[in-house]
N, C-alpha and C. Protein backbone atom coordinates (compact mmCIF):
# COMPACT_ATOMS: atom_id res chain seq x y z
N UNK A 1 0.83 -1.21 0.01
CA UNK A 1 0.01 0.03 -0.02
C UNK A 1 0.88 1.24 -0.04
N UNK A 2 1.91 1.22 0.86
CA UNK A 2 2.75 2.45 0.94
C UNK A 2 3.47 2.71 -0.39
N UNK A 3 3.89 1.63 -1.08
CA UNK A 3 4.53 1.80 -2.34
C UNK A 3 3.64 2.45 -3.32
N UNK A 4 2.41 1.99 -3.46
CA UNK A 4 1.42 2.64 -4.39
C UNK A 4 1.01 3.99 -4.00
N UNK A 5 0.88 4.29 -2.72
CA UNK A 5 0.45 5.64 -2.33
C UNK A 5 1.38 6.80 -2.79
N UNK A 6 2.64 6.36 -3.06
CA UNK A 6 3.55 7.35 -3.55
C UNK A 6 3.23 7.86 -4.95
N UNK A 7 2.37 7.14 -5.67
CA UNK A 7 1.96 7.58 -7.00
C UNK A 7 3.03 7.31 -8.06
N UNK A 8 4.09 6.67 -7.65
CA UNK A 8 5.22 6.48 -8.64
C UNK A 8 5.29 5.02 -9.08
N UNK A 9 4.59 4.10 -8.48
CA UNK A 9 4.60 2.77 -8.83
C UNK A 9 3.35 2.33 -9.53
N UNK A 10 3.39 1.32 -10.45
CA UNK A 10 2.31 0.86 -11.15
C UNK A 10 1.76 -0.54 -10.60
N UNK A 11 0.52 -0.78 -10.80
CA UNK A 11 -0.17 -1.89 -10.26
C UNK A 11 -1.08 -2.47 -11.31
N UNK A 12 -1.02 -3.80 -11.53
CA UNK A 12 -1.91 -4.56 -12.46
C UNK A 12 -2.62 -5.65 -11.74
N UNK A 13 -4.01 -5.64 -11.86
CA UNK A 13 -4.79 -6.62 -11.34
C UNK A 13 -5.13 -7.65 -12.54
N UNK A 14 -4.58 -8.86 -12.51
CA UNK A 14 -4.82 -9.82 -13.52
C UNK A 14 -6.12 -10.62 -13.12
N UNK A 15 -7.03 -10.69 -14.10
CA UNK A 15 -8.33 -11.35 -13.84
C UNK A 15 -9.09 -10.47 -12.95
N UNK A 16 -9.20 -9.16 -13.21
CA UNK A 16 -9.73 -8.19 -12.29
C UNK A 16 -11.24 -8.17 -12.09
N UNK A 17 -11.96 -8.92 -12.99
CA UNK A 17 -13.40 -8.99 -12.95
C UNK A 17 -14.01 -7.53 -12.85
N UNK A 18 -14.73 -7.21 -11.86
CA UNK A 18 -15.36 -5.92 -11.80
C UNK A 18 -14.45 -4.80 -11.34
N UNK A 19 -13.23 -5.10 -11.05
CA UNK A 19 -12.22 -4.15 -10.63
C UNK A 19 -12.34 -3.67 -9.18
N UNK A 20 -12.85 -4.48 -8.34
CA UNK A 20 -13.07 -4.23 -6.90
C UNK A 20 -11.86 -4.01 -6.20
N UNK A 21 -10.77 -4.75 -6.48
CA UNK A 21 -9.50 -4.60 -5.81
C UNK A 21 -8.95 -3.29 -6.14
N UNK A 22 -8.96 -2.79 -7.37
CA UNK A 22 -8.51 -1.50 -7.77
C UNK A 22 -9.32 -0.38 -7.05
N UNK A 23 -10.52 -0.58 -6.94
CA UNK A 23 -11.39 0.49 -6.26
C UNK A 23 -11.06 0.59 -4.79
N UNK A 24 -10.78 -0.64 -4.28
CA UNK A 24 -10.35 -0.65 -2.82
C UNK A 24 -9.10 0.16 -2.61
N UNK A 25 -8.12 -0.01 -3.47
CA UNK A 25 -6.85 0.63 -3.36
C UNK A 25 -7.12 2.20 -3.51
N UNK A 26 -8.00 2.66 -4.39
CA UNK A 26 -8.31 4.04 -4.51
C UNK A 26 -9.01 4.61 -3.29
N UNK A 27 -9.99 3.78 -2.72
CA UNK A 27 -10.64 4.17 -1.47
C UNK A 27 -9.66 4.30 -0.32
N UNK A 28 -8.60 3.52 -0.40
CA UNK A 28 -7.62 3.63 0.73
C UNK A 28 -6.50 4.62 0.44
N UNK A 29 -6.58 5.42 -0.63
CA UNK A 29 -5.71 6.51 -0.80
C UNK A 29 -4.67 6.38 -1.87
N UNK A 30 -4.84 5.37 -2.74
CA UNK A 30 -3.82 5.12 -3.75
C UNK A 30 -4.25 5.95 -5.03
N UNK A 31 -3.48 6.79 -5.55
CA UNK A 31 -3.79 7.48 -6.86
C UNK A 31 -4.08 6.54 -7.95
N UNK A 32 -5.16 6.75 -8.68
CA UNK A 32 -5.62 5.81 -9.66
C UNK A 32 -5.06 5.82 -11.09
N UNK A 33 -4.23 6.85 -11.37
CA UNK A 33 -3.74 6.96 -12.63
C UNK A 33 -2.68 5.87 -13.07
N UNK A 34 -2.04 5.22 -12.18
CA UNK A 34 -1.17 4.13 -12.47
C UNK A 34 -1.70 2.73 -12.09
N UNK A 35 -2.99 2.65 -12.08
CA UNK A 35 -3.60 1.31 -11.72
C UNK A 35 -4.23 0.73 -13.01
N UNK A 36 -4.01 -0.55 -13.21
CA UNK A 36 -4.51 -1.27 -14.43
C UNK A 36 -5.21 -2.53 -14.00
N UNK A 37 -6.27 -2.85 -14.78
CA UNK A 37 -6.95 -4.13 -14.62
C UNK A 37 -7.13 -4.83 -15.94
N UNK A 38 -6.93 -6.14 -15.93
CA UNK A 38 -7.07 -6.93 -17.21
C UNK A 38 -7.96 -8.08 -16.87
N UNK A 39 -8.82 -8.35 -17.77
CA UNK A 39 -9.71 -9.50 -17.76
C UNK A 39 -10.01 -9.97 -19.19
N UNK A 40 -10.27 -11.24 -19.31
CA UNK A 40 -10.67 -11.83 -20.60
C UNK A 40 -12.01 -11.33 -21.01
N UNK A 41 -12.95 -10.98 -20.11
CA UNK A 41 -14.28 -10.63 -20.40
C UNK A 41 -14.55 -9.17 -20.11
N UNK A 42 -14.55 -8.29 -21.16
CA UNK A 42 -14.67 -6.84 -21.04
C UNK A 42 -15.98 -6.44 -20.47
N UNK A 43 -17.02 -7.22 -20.57
CA UNK A 43 -18.35 -6.83 -20.03
C UNK A 43 -18.30 -6.63 -18.58
N UNK A 44 -17.30 -7.20 -17.87
CA UNK A 44 -17.12 -7.02 -16.44
C UNK A 44 -16.74 -5.53 -16.17
N UNK A 45 -16.04 -4.89 -17.02
CA UNK A 45 -15.70 -3.51 -16.81
C UNK A 45 -16.94 -2.62 -16.77
N UNK A 46 -17.81 -2.80 -17.67
CA UNK A 46 -19.07 -2.03 -17.67
C UNK A 46 -19.94 -2.27 -16.45
N UNK A 47 -19.92 -3.56 -16.02
CA UNK A 47 -20.66 -3.83 -14.85
C UNK A 47 -20.00 -3.24 -13.57
N UNK A 48 -18.70 -3.21 -13.57
CA UNK A 48 -18.00 -2.51 -12.44
C UNK A 48 -18.32 -1.02 -12.40
N UNK A 49 -18.36 -0.33 -13.54
CA UNK A 49 -18.72 1.03 -13.52
C UNK A 49 -20.08 1.27 -13.03
N UNK A 50 -21.06 0.40 -13.54
CA UNK A 50 -22.46 0.48 -13.03
C UNK A 50 -22.53 0.27 -11.56
N UNK A 51 -21.89 -0.79 -11.03
CA UNK A 51 -22.03 -1.12 -9.60
C UNK A 51 -21.41 0.00 -8.73
N UNK A 52 -20.18 0.48 -9.16
CA UNK A 52 -19.50 1.55 -8.33
C UNK A 52 -19.88 3.03 -8.70
N UNK A 53 -20.49 3.18 -9.90
CA UNK A 53 -20.94 4.46 -10.31
C UNK A 53 -19.75 5.46 -10.47
N UNK A 54 -18.74 5.01 -11.04
CA UNK A 54 -17.56 5.87 -11.15
C UNK A 54 -16.93 6.01 -12.45
N UNK A 55 -17.69 5.72 -13.52
CA UNK A 55 -17.12 5.76 -14.92
C UNK A 55 -16.50 7.08 -15.24
N UNK A 56 -17.10 8.12 -14.80
CA UNK A 56 -16.64 9.52 -15.08
C UNK A 56 -15.44 9.91 -14.23
N UNK A 57 -15.23 9.27 -13.15
CA UNK A 57 -14.15 9.71 -12.21
C UNK A 57 -12.96 8.75 -12.01
N UNK A 58 -13.16 7.46 -12.17
CA UNK A 58 -12.11 6.52 -12.05
C UNK A 58 -11.14 6.63 -13.22
N UNK A 59 -9.85 6.81 -12.98
CA UNK A 59 -8.81 6.98 -14.02
C UNK A 59 -8.05 5.71 -14.25
N UNK A 60 -8.28 4.65 -13.53
CA UNK A 60 -7.55 3.33 -13.76
C UNK A 60 -8.01 2.93 -15.18
N UNK A 61 -7.01 2.21 -15.80
CA UNK A 61 -7.25 1.74 -17.13
C UNK A 61 -7.57 0.22 -17.11
N UNK A 62 -8.68 -0.16 -17.74
CA UNK A 62 -9.04 -1.61 -17.87
C UNK A 62 -8.77 -1.98 -19.24
N UNK A 63 -8.32 -3.24 -19.51
CA UNK A 63 -8.03 -3.79 -20.82
C UNK A 63 -8.56 -5.23 -20.90
N UNK A 64 -9.23 -5.50 -22.01
CA UNK A 64 -9.64 -6.87 -22.32
C UNK A 64 -8.42 -7.54 -22.94
N UNK A 65 -8.00 -8.55 -22.26
CA UNK A 65 -6.74 -9.25 -22.70
C UNK A 65 -6.72 -10.79 -22.29
N UNK A 66 -6.16 -11.50 -23.26
CA UNK A 66 -5.97 -12.96 -22.89
C UNK A 66 -4.47 -13.09 -22.55
N UNK A 67 -4.17 -13.57 -21.35
CA UNK A 67 -2.79 -13.67 -20.80
C UNK A 67 -1.97 -14.49 -21.80
N UNK A 68 -2.53 -15.41 -22.57
CA UNK A 68 -1.79 -16.31 -23.43
C UNK A 68 -1.57 -15.69 -24.74
N UNK A 69 -2.11 -14.66 -25.08
CA UNK A 69 -1.96 -13.99 -26.43
C UNK A 69 -0.86 -12.91 -26.29
N UNK A 70 0.25 -13.16 -26.99
CA UNK A 70 1.46 -12.25 -26.91
C UNK A 70 1.11 -10.95 -27.54
N UNK A 71 0.09 -10.88 -28.39
CA UNK A 71 -0.25 -9.51 -29.02
C UNK A 71 -1.41 -8.88 -28.42
N UNK A 72 -1.85 -9.33 -27.23
CA UNK A 72 -2.99 -8.69 -26.55
C UNK A 72 -2.61 -7.32 -26.04
N UNK A 73 -3.59 -6.49 -25.59
CA UNK A 73 -3.21 -5.21 -25.12
C UNK A 73 -2.24 -5.18 -23.91
N UNK A 74 -2.03 -6.33 -23.32
CA UNK A 74 -0.94 -6.36 -22.23
C UNK A 74 0.37 -6.01 -22.80
N UNK A 75 0.66 -6.10 -24.06
CA UNK A 75 1.98 -5.85 -24.55
C UNK A 75 2.41 -4.31 -24.34
N UNK A 76 1.40 -3.47 -24.16
CA UNK A 76 1.80 -2.09 -23.83
C UNK A 76 2.30 -1.92 -22.41
N UNK A 77 2.10 -2.95 -21.61
CA UNK A 77 2.56 -2.88 -20.16
C UNK A 77 3.88 -3.65 -19.84
N UNK A 78 4.40 -4.27 -20.91
CA UNK A 78 5.66 -5.18 -20.74
C UNK A 78 6.75 -4.35 -20.18
N UNK A 79 7.24 -4.84 -19.11
CA UNK A 79 8.42 -4.17 -18.42
C UNK A 79 8.08 -2.98 -17.64
N UNK A 80 6.80 -2.62 -17.45
CA UNK A 80 6.39 -1.31 -16.87
C UNK A 80 5.61 -1.47 -15.53
N UNK A 81 5.40 -2.71 -15.02
CA UNK A 81 4.63 -2.81 -13.80
C UNK A 81 5.45 -3.15 -12.62
N UNK A 82 5.13 -2.52 -11.53
CA UNK A 82 5.94 -2.73 -10.27
C UNK A 82 5.30 -3.89 -9.43
N UNK A 83 3.95 -3.97 -9.34
CA UNK A 83 3.21 -4.91 -8.47
C UNK A 83 2.07 -5.51 -9.33
N UNK A 84 1.95 -6.86 -9.39
CA UNK A 84 0.90 -7.55 -10.05
C UNK A 84 0.16 -8.32 -8.97
N UNK A 85 -1.19 -8.13 -8.93
CA UNK A 85 -2.08 -8.90 -8.15
C UNK A 85 -2.74 -9.95 -8.89
N UNK A 86 -2.62 -11.30 -8.55
CA UNK A 86 -3.28 -12.30 -9.24
C UNK A 86 -4.14 -13.09 -8.18
N UNK A 87 -5.29 -12.54 -7.90
CA UNK A 87 -6.18 -13.21 -6.92
C UNK A 87 -7.12 -14.06 -7.62
N UNK A 88 -7.27 -15.39 -7.17
CA UNK A 88 -8.11 -16.35 -7.82
C UNK A 88 -7.94 -16.37 -9.26
N UNK A 89 -6.67 -16.48 -9.69
CA UNK A 89 -6.32 -16.39 -11.09
C UNK A 89 -5.52 -17.64 -11.57
N UNK A 90 -4.39 -17.87 -10.91
CA UNK A 90 -3.49 -18.91 -11.39
C UNK A 90 -4.16 -20.26 -11.29
N UNK A 91 -4.98 -20.46 -10.29
CA UNK A 91 -5.55 -21.83 -10.11
C UNK A 91 -6.56 -22.16 -11.18
N UNK A 92 -6.85 -21.33 -12.07
CA UNK A 92 -7.83 -21.55 -13.22
C UNK A 92 -7.06 -22.41 -14.29
N UNK A 93 -5.81 -22.64 -14.10
CA UNK A 93 -5.06 -23.27 -15.22
C UNK A 93 -4.36 -24.55 -14.76
N UNK A 94 -3.94 -25.40 -15.76
CA UNK A 94 -3.09 -26.53 -15.35
C UNK A 94 -1.68 -26.07 -15.14
N UNK A 95 -0.81 -27.04 -14.69
CA UNK A 95 0.58 -26.69 -14.28
C UNK A 95 1.28 -25.98 -15.44
N UNK A 96 1.26 -26.58 -16.60
CA UNK A 96 2.06 -26.01 -17.72
C UNK A 96 1.60 -24.58 -18.08
N UNK A 97 0.26 -24.43 -17.96
CA UNK A 97 -0.32 -23.02 -18.28
C UNK A 97 0.11 -21.99 -17.21
N UNK A 98 0.16 -22.58 -15.94
CA UNK A 98 0.51 -21.65 -14.79
C UNK A 98 1.98 -21.18 -15.03
N UNK A 99 2.82 -22.13 -15.42
CA UNK A 99 4.16 -21.71 -15.73
C UNK A 99 4.22 -20.67 -16.83
N UNK A 100 3.48 -20.86 -17.87
CA UNK A 100 3.44 -19.91 -19.02
C UNK A 100 2.90 -18.56 -18.56
N UNK A 101 1.88 -18.56 -17.71
CA UNK A 101 1.38 -17.31 -17.18
C UNK A 101 2.39 -16.62 -16.34
N UNK A 102 3.14 -17.36 -15.50
CA UNK A 102 4.11 -16.75 -14.61
C UNK A 102 5.35 -16.19 -15.46
N UNK A 103 5.65 -16.81 -16.56
CA UNK A 103 6.69 -16.26 -17.45
C UNK A 103 6.24 -14.94 -18.03
N UNK A 104 5.01 -14.90 -18.37
CA UNK A 104 4.31 -13.61 -18.92
C UNK A 104 4.31 -12.53 -17.88
N UNK A 105 3.96 -12.93 -16.61
CA UNK A 105 4.04 -11.99 -15.46
C UNK A 105 5.45 -11.48 -15.30
N UNK A 106 6.55 -12.35 -15.43
CA UNK A 106 7.92 -11.76 -15.33
C UNK A 106 8.09 -10.75 -16.44
N UNK A 107 7.64 -10.99 -17.63
CA UNK A 107 7.83 -10.02 -18.67
C UNK A 107 7.07 -8.67 -18.48
N UNK A 108 5.90 -8.75 -17.81
CA UNK A 108 5.15 -7.57 -17.46
C UNK A 108 5.83 -6.73 -16.40
N UNK A 109 6.50 -7.34 -15.47
CA UNK A 109 7.09 -6.59 -14.28
C UNK A 109 8.35 -5.89 -14.77
N UNK A 110 8.61 -4.83 -13.95
CA UNK A 110 9.96 -4.14 -14.20
C UNK A 110 11.09 -5.05 -13.82
N UNK A 111 12.14 -4.95 -14.57
CA UNK A 111 13.27 -5.82 -14.30
C UNK A 111 14.18 -5.36 -13.23
N UNK A 112 13.56 -5.07 -12.03
CA UNK A 112 14.36 -4.60 -10.94
C UNK A 112 14.00 -5.25 -9.61
N UNK A 113 14.88 -5.30 -8.71
CA UNK A 113 14.74 -5.95 -7.45
C UNK A 113 13.51 -5.30 -6.72
N UNK A 114 12.70 -6.10 -6.16
CA UNK A 114 11.50 -5.67 -5.35
C UNK A 114 10.22 -5.72 -6.19
N UNK A 115 10.28 -5.95 -7.53
CA UNK A 115 9.09 -6.16 -8.25
C UNK A 115 8.34 -7.25 -7.68
N UNK A 116 7.00 -7.23 -7.65
CA UNK A 116 6.27 -8.15 -6.79
C UNK A 116 4.97 -8.68 -7.42
N UNK A 117 4.85 -10.00 -7.10
CA UNK A 117 3.55 -10.68 -7.50
C UNK A 117 2.93 -11.09 -6.23
N UNK A 118 1.61 -10.79 -6.04
CA UNK A 118 0.96 -11.33 -4.85
C UNK A 118 -0.46 -11.74 -5.13
N UNK A 119 -1.00 -12.54 -4.30
CA UNK A 119 -2.29 -12.96 -4.54
C UNK A 119 -2.81 -14.08 -3.65
N UNK A 120 -3.89 -14.74 -3.99
CA UNK A 120 -4.45 -15.82 -3.30
C UNK A 120 -5.11 -16.79 -4.29
N UNK A 121 -5.31 -17.96 -3.89
CA UNK A 121 -5.96 -18.93 -4.76
C UNK A 121 -6.32 -20.20 -3.95
N UNK A 122 -7.03 -21.06 -4.62
CA UNK A 122 -7.38 -22.37 -4.05
C UNK A 122 -6.17 -23.20 -4.22
N UNK A 123 -5.94 -24.07 -3.25
CA UNK A 123 -4.80 -25.09 -3.28
C UNK A 123 -5.33 -26.40 -2.71
N UNK A 124 -4.28 -27.21 -2.37
CA UNK A 124 -4.64 -28.50 -1.78
C UNK A 124 -3.45 -29.07 -1.06
N UNK A 125 -3.77 -29.76 0.11
CA UNK A 125 -2.76 -30.37 0.87
C UNK A 125 -1.80 -31.24 0.10
N UNK A 126 -2.41 -31.91 -0.94
CA UNK A 126 -1.64 -32.72 -1.90
C UNK A 126 -1.65 -32.04 -3.20
N UNK A 127 -0.57 -31.45 -3.65
CA UNK A 127 -0.48 -30.79 -4.95
C UNK A 127 -0.80 -31.64 -6.10
N UNK A 128 -1.49 -31.13 -7.11
CA UNK A 128 -1.67 -31.92 -8.31
C UNK A 128 -2.83 -31.36 -9.07
N UNK A 129 -3.06 -32.03 -10.29
CA UNK A 129 -4.16 -31.60 -11.24
C UNK A 129 -5.48 -32.05 -10.66
N UNK A 130 -6.49 -31.21 -10.75
CA UNK A 130 -7.79 -31.59 -10.36
C UNK A 130 -8.75 -31.26 -11.54
N UNK A 131 -9.94 -31.81 -11.45
CA UNK A 131 -10.97 -31.54 -12.46
C UNK A 131 -11.33 -30.06 -12.44
N UNK A 132 -11.37 -29.48 -13.65
CA UNK A 132 -11.81 -28.03 -13.83
C UNK A 132 -13.26 -27.91 -13.47
N UNK A 133 -13.62 -26.86 -12.73
CA UNK A 133 -14.97 -26.63 -12.37
C UNK A 133 -15.94 -26.31 -13.51
N UNK A 134 -15.38 -25.54 -14.52
CA UNK A 134 -16.26 -25.12 -15.65
C UNK A 134 -15.76 -25.59 -16.97
N UNK A 135 -14.71 -26.35 -17.10
CA UNK A 135 -14.12 -26.73 -18.40
C UNK A 135 -13.64 -28.20 -18.33
N UNK A 136 -14.53 -29.13 -18.78
CA UNK A 136 -14.22 -30.55 -18.58
C UNK A 136 -13.01 -30.97 -19.47
N UNK A 137 -12.65 -30.20 -20.42
CA UNK A 137 -11.51 -30.47 -21.29
C UNK A 137 -10.15 -30.16 -20.69
N UNK A 138 -10.21 -29.45 -19.59
CA UNK A 138 -8.94 -28.92 -19.01
C UNK A 138 -8.86 -29.27 -17.50
N UNK A 139 -7.74 -29.40 -17.06
CA UNK A 139 -7.66 -29.55 -15.51
C UNK A 139 -7.07 -28.27 -14.89
N UNK A 140 -7.18 -28.21 -13.50
CA UNK A 140 -6.66 -27.13 -12.79
C UNK A 140 -5.68 -27.60 -11.83
N UNK A 141 -4.54 -27.04 -11.74
CA UNK A 141 -3.42 -27.46 -10.84
C UNK A 141 -3.61 -26.73 -9.56
N UNK A 142 -3.72 -27.54 -8.45
CA UNK A 142 -3.86 -26.97 -7.04
C UNK A 142 -2.53 -27.18 -6.32
N UNK A 143 -1.97 -25.99 -5.97
CA UNK A 143 -0.61 -26.08 -5.34
C UNK A 143 -0.71 -26.28 -3.74
N UNK A 144 0.45 -26.82 -3.27
CA UNK A 144 0.66 -26.68 -1.89
C UNK A 144 1.94 -25.80 -1.83
N UNK A 145 2.48 -25.54 -0.61
CA UNK A 145 3.64 -24.58 -0.55
C UNK A 145 4.86 -25.08 -1.36
N UNK A 146 5.19 -26.36 -1.31
CA UNK A 146 6.31 -26.99 -1.93
C UNK A 146 6.16 -26.82 -3.49
N UNK A 147 5.04 -27.18 -4.00
CA UNK A 147 4.88 -27.11 -5.44
C UNK A 147 4.80 -25.64 -6.00
N UNK A 148 4.32 -24.71 -5.16
CA UNK A 148 4.33 -23.32 -5.58
C UNK A 148 5.72 -22.79 -5.61
N UNK A 149 6.59 -23.10 -4.68
CA UNK A 149 7.99 -22.72 -4.65
C UNK A 149 8.72 -23.30 -5.85
N UNK A 150 8.42 -24.61 -6.08
CA UNK A 150 9.05 -25.28 -7.12
C UNK A 150 8.79 -24.60 -8.52
N UNK A 151 7.50 -24.21 -8.68
CA UNK A 151 7.05 -23.63 -9.95
C UNK A 151 7.79 -22.25 -10.16
N UNK A 152 7.97 -21.48 -9.10
CA UNK A 152 8.64 -20.27 -9.21
C UNK A 152 10.13 -20.45 -9.52
N UNK A 153 10.74 -21.47 -8.98
CA UNK A 153 12.12 -21.85 -9.30
C UNK A 153 12.30 -22.15 -10.75
N UNK A 154 11.31 -22.89 -11.27
CA UNK A 154 11.32 -23.29 -12.70
C UNK A 154 11.13 -22.07 -13.62
N UNK A 155 10.30 -21.16 -13.22
CA UNK A 155 10.03 -19.88 -13.91
C UNK A 155 11.31 -19.09 -13.94
N UNK A 156 11.87 -18.94 -12.72
CA UNK A 156 13.17 -18.19 -12.61
C UNK A 156 14.34 -18.75 -13.58
N UNK A 157 14.48 -20.01 -13.52
CA UNK A 157 15.37 -20.67 -14.39
C UNK A 157 15.09 -20.40 -15.85
N UNK A 158 13.87 -20.45 -16.22
CA UNK A 158 13.47 -20.32 -17.68
C UNK A 158 13.64 -18.79 -18.10
N UNK A 159 13.51 -17.92 -17.20
CA UNK A 159 13.53 -16.48 -17.55
C UNK A 159 14.89 -15.83 -17.05
N UNK A 160 15.73 -16.56 -16.43
CA UNK A 160 17.03 -16.01 -16.05
C UNK A 160 16.85 -14.90 -14.92
N UNK A 161 15.83 -15.18 -14.03
CA UNK A 161 15.52 -14.27 -12.91
C UNK A 161 15.58 -15.06 -11.61
N UNK A 162 15.60 -14.34 -10.46
CA UNK A 162 15.52 -15.05 -9.17
C UNK A 162 14.41 -14.46 -8.32
N UNK A 163 13.75 -15.24 -7.56
CA UNK A 163 12.52 -14.87 -6.91
C UNK A 163 12.52 -15.41 -5.41
N UNK A 164 12.16 -14.56 -4.52
CA UNK A 164 11.96 -14.90 -3.07
C UNK A 164 10.40 -15.19 -2.95
N UNK A 165 10.08 -16.42 -2.56
CA UNK A 165 8.66 -16.87 -2.55
C UNK A 165 8.20 -17.01 -1.13
N UNK A 166 7.30 -16.19 -0.70
CA UNK A 166 6.56 -16.41 0.58
C UNK A 166 5.18 -16.96 0.21
N UNK A 167 4.84 -18.11 0.73
CA UNK A 167 3.60 -18.82 0.48
C UNK A 167 3.13 -19.44 1.72
N UNK A 168 1.84 -19.32 1.95
CA UNK A 168 1.14 -19.91 3.05
C UNK A 168 -0.11 -20.69 2.62
N UNK A 169 -0.23 -21.95 3.18
CA UNK A 169 -1.30 -22.82 2.85
C UNK A 169 -2.06 -22.90 4.13
N UNK A 170 -3.31 -22.73 4.10
CA UNK A 170 -4.21 -22.82 5.29
C UNK A 170 -5.57 -23.26 4.97
N UNK A 171 -6.26 -23.83 6.03
CA UNK A 171 -7.61 -24.37 5.87
C UNK A 171 -8.58 -23.21 5.50
N UNK A 172 -9.38 -23.35 4.47
CA UNK A 172 -10.32 -22.28 4.20
C UNK A 172 -11.28 -22.07 5.29
N UNK A 173 -11.75 -20.77 5.34
CA UNK A 173 -12.73 -20.39 6.41
C UNK A 173 -14.14 -20.73 5.90
N UNK A 174 -15.04 -20.59 6.82
CA UNK A 174 -16.43 -20.86 6.58
C UNK A 174 -16.99 -20.05 5.34
N UNK A 175 -16.36 -18.86 5.22
CA UNK A 175 -16.73 -17.93 4.06
C UNK A 175 -16.62 -18.60 2.72
N UNK A 176 -15.69 -19.65 2.65
CA UNK A 176 -15.52 -20.27 1.36
C UNK A 176 -16.71 -21.01 0.90
N UNK A 177 -17.54 -21.46 1.90
CA UNK A 177 -18.85 -22.05 1.53
C UNK A 177 -18.69 -23.26 0.52
N UNK A 178 -19.31 -23.09 -0.58
CA UNK A 178 -19.39 -24.14 -1.65
C UNK A 178 -18.05 -24.46 -2.11
N UNK A 179 -17.14 -23.54 -2.24
CA UNK A 179 -15.74 -23.78 -2.72
C UNK A 179 -15.10 -24.87 -1.91
N UNK A 180 -15.28 -24.88 -0.64
CA UNK A 180 -14.63 -25.84 0.29
C UNK A 180 -15.08 -27.25 -0.07
N UNK A 181 -16.33 -27.39 -0.38
CA UNK A 181 -16.94 -28.72 -0.80
C UNK A 181 -16.32 -29.05 -2.06
N UNK A 182 -16.18 -28.19 -3.03
CA UNK A 182 -15.62 -28.54 -4.34
C UNK A 182 -14.11 -28.98 -4.24
N UNK A 183 -13.49 -28.45 -3.27
CA UNK A 183 -11.97 -28.80 -3.11
C UNK A 183 -11.81 -30.05 -2.24
N UNK A 184 -12.88 -30.62 -1.66
CA UNK A 184 -12.74 -31.80 -0.80
C UNK A 184 -12.16 -31.54 0.51
N UNK A 185 -11.96 -32.58 1.35
CA UNK A 185 -11.40 -32.38 2.66
C UNK A 185 -9.96 -31.89 2.69
N UNK A 186 -9.24 -32.08 1.62
CA UNK A 186 -7.87 -31.56 1.55
C UNK A 186 -7.72 -30.21 0.92
N UNK A 187 -8.78 -29.59 0.57
CA UNK A 187 -8.81 -28.25 0.01
C UNK A 187 -8.25 -27.22 0.92
N UNK A 188 -7.41 -26.44 0.39
CA UNK A 188 -6.76 -25.36 1.25
C UNK A 188 -6.84 -24.04 0.42
N UNK A 189 -6.70 -22.97 1.17
CA UNK A 189 -6.47 -21.63 0.61
C UNK A 189 -4.90 -21.40 0.50
N UNK A 190 -4.44 -20.57 -0.46
CA UNK A 190 -3.13 -20.25 -0.56
C UNK A 190 -2.94 -18.67 -0.63
N UNK A 191 -2.08 -18.16 0.09
CA UNK A 191 -1.72 -16.73 0.02
C UNK A 191 -0.26 -16.68 -0.40
N UNK A 192 0.14 -15.73 -1.28
CA UNK A 192 1.53 -15.73 -1.75
C UNK A 192 1.96 -14.32 -1.99
N UNK A 193 3.27 -14.11 -1.84
CA UNK A 193 4.02 -12.90 -2.28
C UNK A 193 5.35 -13.39 -2.88
N UNK A 194 5.60 -12.99 -4.05
CA UNK A 194 6.79 -13.44 -4.88
C UNK A 194 7.57 -12.12 -5.26
N UNK A 195 8.82 -12.06 -4.67
CA UNK A 195 9.64 -10.79 -4.78
C UNK A 195 10.74 -11.14 -5.77
N UNK A 196 10.99 -10.18 -6.67
CA UNK A 196 12.20 -10.32 -7.53
C UNK A 196 13.43 -9.92 -6.72
N UNK A 197 14.41 -10.78 -6.76
CA UNK A 197 15.67 -10.58 -6.01
C UNK A 197 16.66 -9.91 -6.87
């Protein structure tokens, strides 16, 4: 928060949906001119403006983009982002896709020490592929702490970068409701911060 309040650092919310995280930052005093949101579904942006009634005042930029498309609008942000938030995003993909997404994230971040990726996602006590909730043709990889660290070591090796990984696996709270049942008794929540060294 303090880094963003300076108004000098940039922030990208990947899979931003309505942009509620961006609006929370603005509410907490972060200048909105260097805030970006990206989602595959642009209709979420209009719904966010309607929900928060701020189309005329919010200066954050939203872009419809596919993280796997190297020519998507995300190309204009390559090497320009200080902090990326990936909340409930990485777990949508299988392991190989998550590695590809993380490599793209490395390309979006500034190439300096302290560039940061943070977020949360569903995980599992036993890491591995699980059935996708909405796409039967694809699996979703659920991490534990060990597998998440291993993935970032692999990403670092592939991109010639080094990362300090802080990751916490914990039992989901009652608020997870239906999601807990979908994840089974070994379902866990994951919080992470990944810092460029």
